[in-house]
C-alpha atoms as a PDB file:
ATOM      1  CA  MET A   1     127.492 108.355 137.536  1.00  0.00           C
ATOM      2  CA  LYS A   2     128.502 107.615 134.136  1.00  0.00           C
ATOM      3  CA  VAL A   3     126.149 108.268 131.006  1.00  0.00           C
ATOM      4  CA  TYR A   4     126.486 106.717 127.276  1.00  0.00           C
ATOM      5  CA  MET A   5     124.854 107.765 124.716  1.00  0.00           C
ATOM      6  CA  PRO A   6     126.027 105.710 121.361  1.00  0.00           C
ATOM      7  CA  CYS A   7     126.162 107.848 118.231  1.00  0.00           C
ATOM      8  CA  VAL A   8     123.363 106.673 115.743  1.00  0.00           C
ATOM      9  CA  THR A   9     124.331 106.369 111.957  1.00  0.00           C
ATOM     10  CA  VAL A  10     120.896 105.474 110.864  1.00  0.00           C
ATOM     11  CA  ALA A  11     118.591 102.880 109.023  1.00  0.00           C
ATOM     12  CA  THR A  12     114.865 102.846 108.978  1.00  0.00           C
ATOM     13  CA  ILE A  13     111.960 103.606 111.082  1.00  0.00           C
ATOM     14  CA  PRO A  14     109.243 101.304 111.521  1.00  0.00           C
ATOM     15  CA  ASN A  15     108.066 103.749 114.373  1.00  0.00           C
ATOM     16  CA  HIS A  16     109.788 106.825 113.799  1.00  0.00           C
ATOM     17  CA  SER A  17     113.153 105.789 114.361  1.00  0.00           C
ATOM     18  CA  ARG A  18     116.638 106.030 111.877  1.00  0.00           C
ATOM     19  CA  PHE A  19     123.735 103.046 108.357  1.00  0.00           C
ATOM     20  CA  ILE A  20     125.617 104.644 105.957  1.00  0.00           C
ATOM     21  CA  TYR A  21     125.151 103.542 102.365  1.00  0.00           C
ATOM     22  CA  THR A  22     127.886 103.041  99.589  1.00  0.00           C
ATOM     23  CA  SER A  23     127.653 104.673  96.257  1.00  0.00           C
ATOM     24  CA  PHE A  24     126.457 102.558  93.823  1.00  0.00           C
ATOM     25  CA  PHE A  25     124.622 102.535  90.344  1.00  0.00           C
ATOM     26  CA  ALA A  26     122.839  99.756  88.748  1.00  0.00           C
ATOM     27  CA  ILE A  27     120.343  99.048  85.843  1.00  0.00           C
ATOM     28  CA  SER A  28     118.540  96.069  85.676  1.00  0.00           C
ATOM     29  CA  LYS A  29     118.011  95.729  81.663  1.00  0.00           C
ATOM     30  CA  ALA A  30     115.180  92.848  82.455  1.00  0.00           C
ATOM     31  CA  ASN A  31     112.928  94.657  84.585  1.00  0.00           C
ATOM     32  CA  LYS A  32     113.836  98.279  83.455  1.00  0.00           C
ATOM     33  CA  THR A  33     114.854  98.954  86.957  1.00  0.00           C
ATOM     34  CA  THR A  34     117.108 102.049  88.007  1.00  0.00           C
ATOM     35  CA  MET A  35     118.840 102.249  91.672  1.00  0.00           C
ATOM     36  CA  ALA A  36     120.739 105.391  92.512  1.00  0.00           C
ATOM     37  CA  ALA A  37     122.509 106.362  96.107  1.00  0.00           C
ATOM     38  CA  THR A  38     125.160 108.320  97.352  1.00  0.00           C
ATOM     39  CA  THR A  39     127.528 108.252 100.269  1.00  0.00           C
ATOM     40  CA  THR A  40     125.466 109.573 103.144  1.00  0.00           C
ATOM     41  CA  THR A  41     123.358 108.442 105.767  1.00  0.00           C
ATOM     42  CA  ILE A  42     120.208 107.000 104.528  1.00  0.00           C
ATOM     43  CA  ASN A  43     118.200 108.388 107.398  1.00  0.00           C
ATOM     44  CA  SER A  44     118.186 111.920 108.423  1.00  0.00           C
ATOM     45  CA  ALA A  45     117.890 113.126 111.812  1.00  0.00           C
ATOM     46  CA  ALA A  46     114.191 114.474 110.883  1.00  0.00           C
ATOM     47  CA  PHE A  47     112.096 113.693 108.015  1.00  0.00           C
ATOM     48  CA  ASN A  48     108.574 113.689 106.491  1.00  0.00           C
ATOM     49  CA  THR A  49     106.525 110.715 105.384  1.00  0.00           C
ATOM     50  CA  ILE A  50     102.918 110.358 104.443  1.00  0.00           C
ATOM     51  CA  GLN A  51     100.515 108.990 107.724  1.00  0.00           C
ATOM     52  CA  GLU A  52      98.420 106.328 105.818  1.00  0.00           C
ATOM     53  CA  ARG A  53      97.679 104.935 102.080  1.00  0.00           C
ATOM     54  CA  LEU A  54      95.581 106.829  99.768  1.00  0.00           C
ATOM     55  CA  SER A  55      95.234 106.600  96.201  1.00  0.00           C
ATOM     56  CA  PHE A  56      94.289 108.832  93.082  1.00  0.00           C
ATOM     57  CA  GLN A  57      92.749 108.167  89.476  1.00  0.00           C
ATOM     58  CA  LYS A  58      92.515 109.847  86.314  1.00  0.00           C
ATOM     59  CA  GLU A  59      91.467 108.724  82.829  1.00  0.00           C
ATOM     60  CA  ILE A  60      93.919 109.909  80.372  1.00  0.00           C
ATOM     61  CA  LYS A  61      92.530 109.377  76.251  1.00  0.00           C
ATOM     62  CA  LYS A  62      90.790 106.324  77.554  1.00  0.00           C
ATOM     63  CA  SER A  63      93.581 105.115  79.760  1.00  0.00           C
ATOM     64  CA  LYS A  64      92.905 104.561  83.319  1.00  0.00           C
ATOM     65  CA  PHE A  65      95.793 105.356  85.593  1.00  0.00           C
ATOM     66  CA  ILE A  66      95.686 104.572  89.067  1.00  0.00           C
ATOM     67  CA  ALA A  67      98.684 106.013  91.854  1.00  0.00           C
ATOM     68  CA  ILE A  68      98.331 104.320  95.477  1.00  0.00           C
ATOM     69  CA  ALA A  69     101.041 105.944  97.801  1.00  0.00           C
ATOM     70  CA  GLY A  70     101.890 104.301 100.978  1.00  0.00           C
ATOM     71  CA  PRO A  71     104.610 104.779 104.105  1.00  0.00           C
ATOM     72  CA  ILE A  72     107.490 102.268 103.716  1.00  0.00           C
ATOM     73  CA  SER A  73     110.762 102.030 105.676  1.00  0.00           C
ATOM     74  CA  ASP A  74     113.030 100.154 103.845  1.00  0.00           C
ATOM     75  CA  GLU A  75     113.566  98.118 100.398  1.00  0.00           C
ATOM     76  CA  ASN A  76     111.606  94.942 101.477  1.00  0.00           C
ATOM     77  CA  SER A  77     108.733  96.869 103.110  1.00  0.00           C
ATOM     78  CA  ALA A  78     108.535  98.547  99.623  1.00  0.00           C
ATOM     79  CA  MET A  79     108.353  95.337  97.624  1.00  0.00           C
ATOM     80  CA  SER A  80     105.755  94.086  99.990  1.00  0.00           C
ATOM     81  CA  PHE A  81     103.565  97.241  99.466  1.00  0.00           C
ATOM     82  CA  LEU A  82     104.113  96.579  95.990  1.00  0.00           C
ATOM     83  CA  SER A  83     102.908  93.208  96.153  1.00  0.00           C
ATOM     84  CA  GLN A  84      99.592  93.922  98.231  1.00  0.00           C
ATOM     85  CA  VAL A  85      98.681  96.613  95.720  1.00  0.00           C
ATOM     86  CA  ARG A  86      99.444  95.942  91.942  1.00  0.00           C
ATOM     87  CA  ASP A  87      96.658  94.728  89.859  1.00  0.00           C
ATOM     88  CA  PRO A  88      97.740  91.263  87.755  1.00  0.00           C
ATOM     89  CA  LYS A  89      95.108  92.230  85.292  1.00  0.00           C
ATOM     90  CA  ALA A  90      96.395  95.829  84.437  1.00  0.00           C
ATOM     91  CA  THR A  91      98.647  96.477  81.700  1.00  0.00           C
ATOM     92  CA  HIS A  92     101.603  98.179  83.683  1.00  0.00           C
ATOM     93  CA  ASN A  93     102.189  98.280  87.423  1.00  0.00           C
ATOM     94  CA  CYS A  94     105.137 101.069  87.522  1.00  0.00           C
ATOM     95  CA  TRP A  95     106.216 102.647  90.514  1.00  0.00           C
ATOM     96  CA  ALA A  96     109.183 104.144  92.492  1.00  0.00           C
ATOM     97  CA  TYR A  97     110.502 104.746  95.888  1.00  0.00           C
ATOM     98  CA  LYS A  98     112.226 106.969  98.216  1.00  0.00           C
ATOM     99  CA  VAL A  99     114.023 106.279 101.354  1.00  0.00           C
ATOM    100  CA  GLY A 100     116.667 108.354 102.470  1.00  0.00           C
ATOM    101  CA  ASP A 101     119.121 109.241  99.750  1.00  0.00           C
ATOM    102  CA  THR A 102     117.947 105.849  97.922  1.00  0.00           C
ATOM    103  CA  TYR A 103     115.814 105.592  95.057  1.00  0.00           C
ATOM    104  CA  ARG A 104     114.289 103.099  93.044  1.00  0.00           C
ATOM    105  CA  SER A 105     111.996 102.872  89.653  1.00  0.00           C
ATOM    106  CA  ASN A 106     110.376 100.236  87.700  1.00  0.00           C
ATOM    107  CA  ASP A 107     108.808 101.181  84.245  1.00  0.00           C
ATOM    108  CA  ASP A 108     107.311  97.602  84.495  1.00  0.00           C
ATOM    109  CA  GLY A 109     107.215  97.381  80.063  1.00  0.00           C
ATOM    110  CA  GLU A 110     106.506 100.981  79.477  1.00  0.00           C
ATOM    111  CA  PRO A 111     109.298 103.002  77.255  1.00  0.00           C
ATOM    112  CA  SER A 112     112.483 103.014  79.192  1.00  0.00           C
ATOM    113  CA  GLY A 113     112.385 106.536  81.381  1.00  0.00           C
ATOM    114  CA  THR A 114     108.739 107.026  80.656  1.00  0.00           C
ATOM    115  CA  ALA A 115     106.931 105.727  83.870  1.00  0.00           C
ATOM    116  CA  GLY A 116     109.238 104.663  86.745  1.00  0.00           C
ATOM    117  CA  LYS A 117     111.508 107.977  86.339  1.00  0.00           C
ATOM    118  CA  PRO A 118     108.567 110.499  86.351  1.00  0.00           C
ATOM    119  CA  ILE A 119     106.898 108.950  89.421  1.00  0.00           C
ATOM    120  CA  GLN A 120     110.843 108.979  91.221  1.00  0.00           C
ATOM    121  CA  SER A 121     110.447 112.908  90.266  1.00  0.00           C
ATOM    122  CA  ALA A 122     107.078 113.469  91.925  1.00  0.00           C
ATOM    123  CA  ILE A 123     108.467 111.688  95.105  1.00  0.00           C
ATOM    124  CA  ALA A 124     111.359 114.083  94.959  1.00  0.00           C
ATOM    125  CA  SER A 125     109.702 117.061  94.411  1.00  0.00           C
ATOM    126  CA  SER A 126     107.197 116.601  96.980  1.00  0.00           C
ATOM    127  CA  GLY A 127     109.487 116.829  99.679  1.00  0.00           C
ATOM    128  CA  ILE A 128     108.168 113.445 101.282  1.00  0.00           C
ATOM    129  CA  ASP A 129     110.848 110.566 102.455  1.00  0.00           C
ATOM    130  CA  ARG A 130     110.001 107.014 103.086  1.00  0.00           C
ATOM    131  CA  VAL A 131     107.041 106.784 100.620  1.00  0.00           C
ATOM    132  CA  MET A 132     106.393 104.243  97.665  1.00  0.00           C
ATOM    133  CA  VAL A 133     103.916 105.094  94.581  1.00  0.00           C
ATOM    134  CA  VAL A 134     102.881 102.228  92.505  1.00  0.00           C
ATOM    135  CA  VAL A 135     100.985 103.800  88.925  1.00  0.00           C
ATOM    136  CA  ILE A 136      98.679 101.015  87.412  1.00  0.00           C
ATOM    137  CA  ARG A 137      97.688 101.688  84.056  1.00  0.00           C
ATOM    138  CA  HIS A 138      94.540  99.884  82.102  1.00  0.00           C
ATOM    139  CA  PHE A 139      95.081 100.492  78.583  1.00  0.00           C
ATOM    140  CA  GLY A 140      92.460 102.195  76.728  1.00  0.00           C
ATOM    141  CA  GLY A 141      93.487 101.660  73.209  1.00  0.00           C
ATOM    142  CA  ILE A 142      95.289 104.788  72.559  1.00  0.00           C
ATOM    143  CA  LYS A 143      99.279 105.266  72.396  1.00  0.00           C
ATOM    144  CA  LEU A 144     100.125 108.390  74.753  1.00  0.00           C
ATOM    145  CA  GLY A 145     103.836 108.742  73.036  1.00  0.00           C
ATOM    146  CA  THR A 146     106.713 109.430  75.053  1.00  0.00           C
ATOM    147  CA  GLY A 147     105.993 112.801  75.951  1.00  0.00           C
ATOM    148  CA  GLY A 148     102.176 111.596  77.057  1.00  0.00           C
ATOM    149  CA  LEU A 149     103.379 108.727  79.058  1.00  0.00           C
ATOM    150  CA  VAL A 150     105.680 110.841  81.110  1.00  0.00           C
ATOM    151  CA  ARG A 151     103.556 113.329  81.743  1.00  0.00           C
ATOM    152  CA  ALA A 152     100.244 111.114  82.801  1.00  0.00           C
ATOM    153  CA  TYR A 153     102.642 108.792  85.318  1.00  0.00           C
ATOM    154  CA  GLY A 154     104.428 112.140  86.641  1.00  0.00           C
ATOM    155  CA  GLY A 155     101.151 113.927  86.707  1.00  0.00           C
ATOM    156  CA  VAL A 156      98.999 111.245  88.773  1.00  0.00           C
ATOM    157  CA  ALA A 157     101.931 110.637  90.944  1.00  0.00           C
ATOM    158  CA  SER A 158     102.151 114.216  91.752  1.00  0.00           C
ATOM    159  CA  GLU A 159      98.515 114.694  92.480  1.00  0.00           C
ATOM    160  CA  CYS A 160      98.475 111.368  94.432  1.00  0.00           C
ATOM    161  CA  LEU A 161     101.123 112.951  96.804  1.00  0.00           C
ATOM    162  CA  ARG A 162      99.965 116.728  96.467  1.00  0.00           C
ATOM    163  CA  ASN A 163      96.836 116.237  99.637  1.00  0.00           C
ATOM    164  CA  ALA A 164      98.552 113.609 101.377  1.00  0.00           C
ATOM    165  CA  PRO A 165      98.535 114.039 105.128  1.00  0.00           C
ATOM    166  CA  THR A 166     102.079 113.945 106.283  1.00  0.00           C
ATOM    167  CA  CYS A 167     103.814 113.389 109.639  1.00  0.00           C
ATOM    168  CA  LEU A 168     107.579 114.335 110.980  1.00  0.00           C
ATOM    169  CA  VAL A 169     109.659 111.831 112.293  1.00  0.00           C
ATOM    170  CA  LYS A 170     112.605 112.179 114.308  1.00  0.00           C
ATOM    171  CA  THR A 171     115.103 109.821 115.733  1.00  0.00           C
ATOM    172  CA  LYS A 172     115.367 108.338 118.614  1.00  0.00           C
ATOM    173  CA  VAL A 173     118.735 108.498 120.204  1.00  0.00           C
ATOM    174  CA  PRO A 174     119.530 105.580 122.963  1.00  0.00           C
ATOM    175  CA  MET A 175     120.841 106.730 125.867  1.00  0.00           C
ATOM    176  CA  GLY A 176     122.055 104.823 129.213  1.00  0.00           C
ATOM    177  CA  VAL A 177     122.868 106.460 132.534  1.00  0.00           C
ATOM    178  CA  GLU A 178     124.643 104.083 135.370  1.00  0.00           C
ATOM    179  CA  VAL A 179     123.544 106.127 138.428  1.00  0.00           C
ATOM    180  CA  SER A 180     124.223 105.429 142.079  1.00  0.00           C
ATOM    181  CA  PHE A 181     120.874 104.245 143.873  1.00  0.00           C
ATOM    182  CA  ASP A 182     120.722 107.544 145.919  1.00  0.00           C
ATOM    183  CA  LEU A 183     120.600 109.419 142.384  1.00  0.00           C
ATOM    184  CA  LEU A 184     117.563 107.845 141.065  1.00  0.00           C
ATOM    185  CA  GLY A 185     115.114 109.799 142.158  1.00  0.00           C
ATOM    186  CA  ILE A 186     116.765 112.710 140.555  1.00  0.00           C
ATOM    187  CA  LEU A 187     117.460 111.146 137.579  1.00  0.00           C
ATOM    188  CA  TYR A 188     113.934 109.981 137.325  1.00  0.00           C
ATOM    189  CA  HIS A 189     112.619 113.689 138.241  1.00  0.00           C
ATOM    190  CA  GLN A 190     114.724 114.749 135.226  1.00  0.00           C
ATOM    191  CA  LEU A 191     113.603 112.356 132.535  1.00  0.00           C
ATOM    192  CA  GLN A 192     110.049 113.034 133.338  1.00  0.00           C
ATOM    193  CA  SER A 193     110.738 116.608 131.518  1.00  0.00           C
ATOM    194  CA  PHE A 194     111.544 114.722 128.301  1.00  0.00           C
ATOM    195  CA  PRO A 195     110.030 112.962 125.626  1.00  0.00           C
ATOM    196  CA  VAL A 196     111.861 109.523 126.594  1.00  0.00           C
ATOM    197  CA  GLU A 197     110.466 106.192 125.703  1.00  0.00           C
ATOM    198  CA  ASP A 198     111.528 102.249 126.468  1.00  0.00           C
ATOM    199  CA  MET A 199     112.747 103.353 130.096  1.00  0.00           C
ATOM    200  CA  LYS A 200     114.296 100.274 131.293  1.00  0.00           C
ATOM    201  CA  GLN A 201     116.825  99.595 134.546  1.00  0.00           C
ATOM    202  CA  ASP A 202     119.239  96.880 135.101  1.00  0.00           C
ATOM    203  CA  TYR A 203     120.479  96.379 138.675  1.00  0.00           C
ATOM    204  CA  ASP A 204     123.331  94.023 137.484  1.00  0.00           C
ATOM    205  CA  THR A 205     125.836  96.101 136.520  1.00  0.00           C
ATOM    206  CA  GLY A 206     128.759  94.693 138.413  1.00  0.00           C
ATOM    207  CA  ASN A 207     129.153  97.255 140.330  1.00  0.00           C
ATOM    208  CA  ASP A 208     127.639  97.710 143.848  1.00  0.00           C
ATOM    209  CA  GLY A 209     125.013 100.436 144.868  1.00  0.00           C
ATOM    210  CA  MET A 210     125.025 101.415 140.704  1.00  0.00           C
ATOM    211  CA  CYS A 211     122.196 100.954 138.498  1.00  0.00           C
ATOM    212  CA  MET A 212     121.936 101.288 134.698  1.00  0.00           C
ATOM    213  CA  VAL A 213     119.201 103.120 133.369  1.00  0.00           C
ATOM    214  CA  THR A 214     118.704 103.160 129.264  1.00  0.00           C
ATOM    215  CA  PHE A 215     115.795 105.142 127.343  1.00  0.00           C
ATOM    216  CA  LYS A 216     115.434 106.697 123.937  1.00  0.00           C
ATOM    217  CA  VAL A 217     115.154 110.124 123.222  1.00  0.00           C
ATOM    218  CA  ASP A 218     113.991 112.715 120.353  1.00  0.00           C
ATOM    219  CA  PHE A 219     117.758 113.403 118.668  1.00  0.00           C
ATOM    220  CA  ASP A 220     116.839 117.614 118.971  1.00  0.00           C
ATOM    221  CA  GLU A 221     116.326 116.771 123.239  1.00  0.00           C
ATOM    222  CA  ALA A 222     119.389 114.739 123.697  1.00  0.00           C
ATOM    223  CA  GLU A 223     121.677 117.946 124.238  1.00  0.00           C
ATOM    224  CA  LYS A 224     119.241 119.496 126.544  1.00  0.00           C
ATOM    225  CA  LEU A 225     118.433 116.266 128.456  1.00  0.00           C
ATOM    226  CA  GLU A 226     122.771 115.796 129.202  1.00  0.00           C
ATOM    227  CA  ASP A 227     122.907 119.750 130.279  1.00  0.00           C
ATOM    228  CA  ALA A 228     119.883 118.979 132.309  1.00  0.00           C
ATOM    229  CA  LEU A 229     121.002 115.724 134.258  1.00  0.00           C
ATOM    230  CA  LYS A 230     125.052 117.883 134.520  1.00  0.00           C
ATOM    231  CA  SER A 231     123.121 120.998 136.528  1.00  0.00           C
ATOM    232  CA  ASN A 232     120.827 118.316 138.361  1.00  0.00           C
ATOM    233  CA  CYS A 233     123.187 115.751 139.249  1.00  0.00           C
ATOM    234  CA  SER A 234     126.872 116.316 138.713  1.00  0.00           C
ATOM    235  CA  ARG A 235     128.951 118.773 136.680  1.00  0.00           C
ATOM    236  CA  GLU A 236     131.825 116.055 136.914  1.00  0.00           C
ATOM    237  CA  LEU A 237     129.443 113.623 134.678  1.00  0.00           C
ATOM    238  CA  LYS A 238     131.050 112.256 131.752  1.00  0.00           C
ATOM    239  CA  PHE A 239     129.304 111.262 128.862  1.00  0.00           C
ATOM    240  CA  TYR A 240     130.542 108.920 126.025  1.00  0.00           C
ATOM    241  CA  LYS A 241     129.427 108.046 122.553  1.00  0.00           C
ATOM    242  CA  ARG A 242     129.949 104.858 120.915  1.00  0.00           C
END
């Protein structure tokens, strides 16, 4: 029996799943959009994100600020979220998001660094990942000044995230086991004790009497599953990572 366990370098989640990004830093002067990332995995083994879209509204010196937060999986889903919630009639639609170690923010016409960055700081302080916050401002006629804008944008973003319902998302590790027909019963019995998903079997392995069983398991259960298979099937099992 052979067990294949591909290593996971990660990407994004649609339903709670997780590639390595290269360091880069870019600034788009036209849109006042900033990007920053470090050379590390963009998806950790486990992370907290918000469960659903939520909003928070506050009036500050006659300007109405509306913060809308939502879960995202990557840049494409962030831009999709922005297109859904932005208000074309508003004075500004400022935003920031975080996916792993990648942050991006936009001041949307406000003085540089007074809107997008404070929203980004609020996200970083919250400990929430895979999230985007858009703060919509309807100008009320009174200028807030640089400090006032920073406090306003950062404050409503923080309030929006403070009571957000969150959930823990774990990496699902894909594994494959090539097993003889006579050990299938033992294998399935062991798998029932673990949180496995997407279980499939393939009898066209090219080896007579062998079946390939593939599945996904939580990253923190993979080692326990490996030990269980060794103990109950064969100590001679060889595990491979690829």
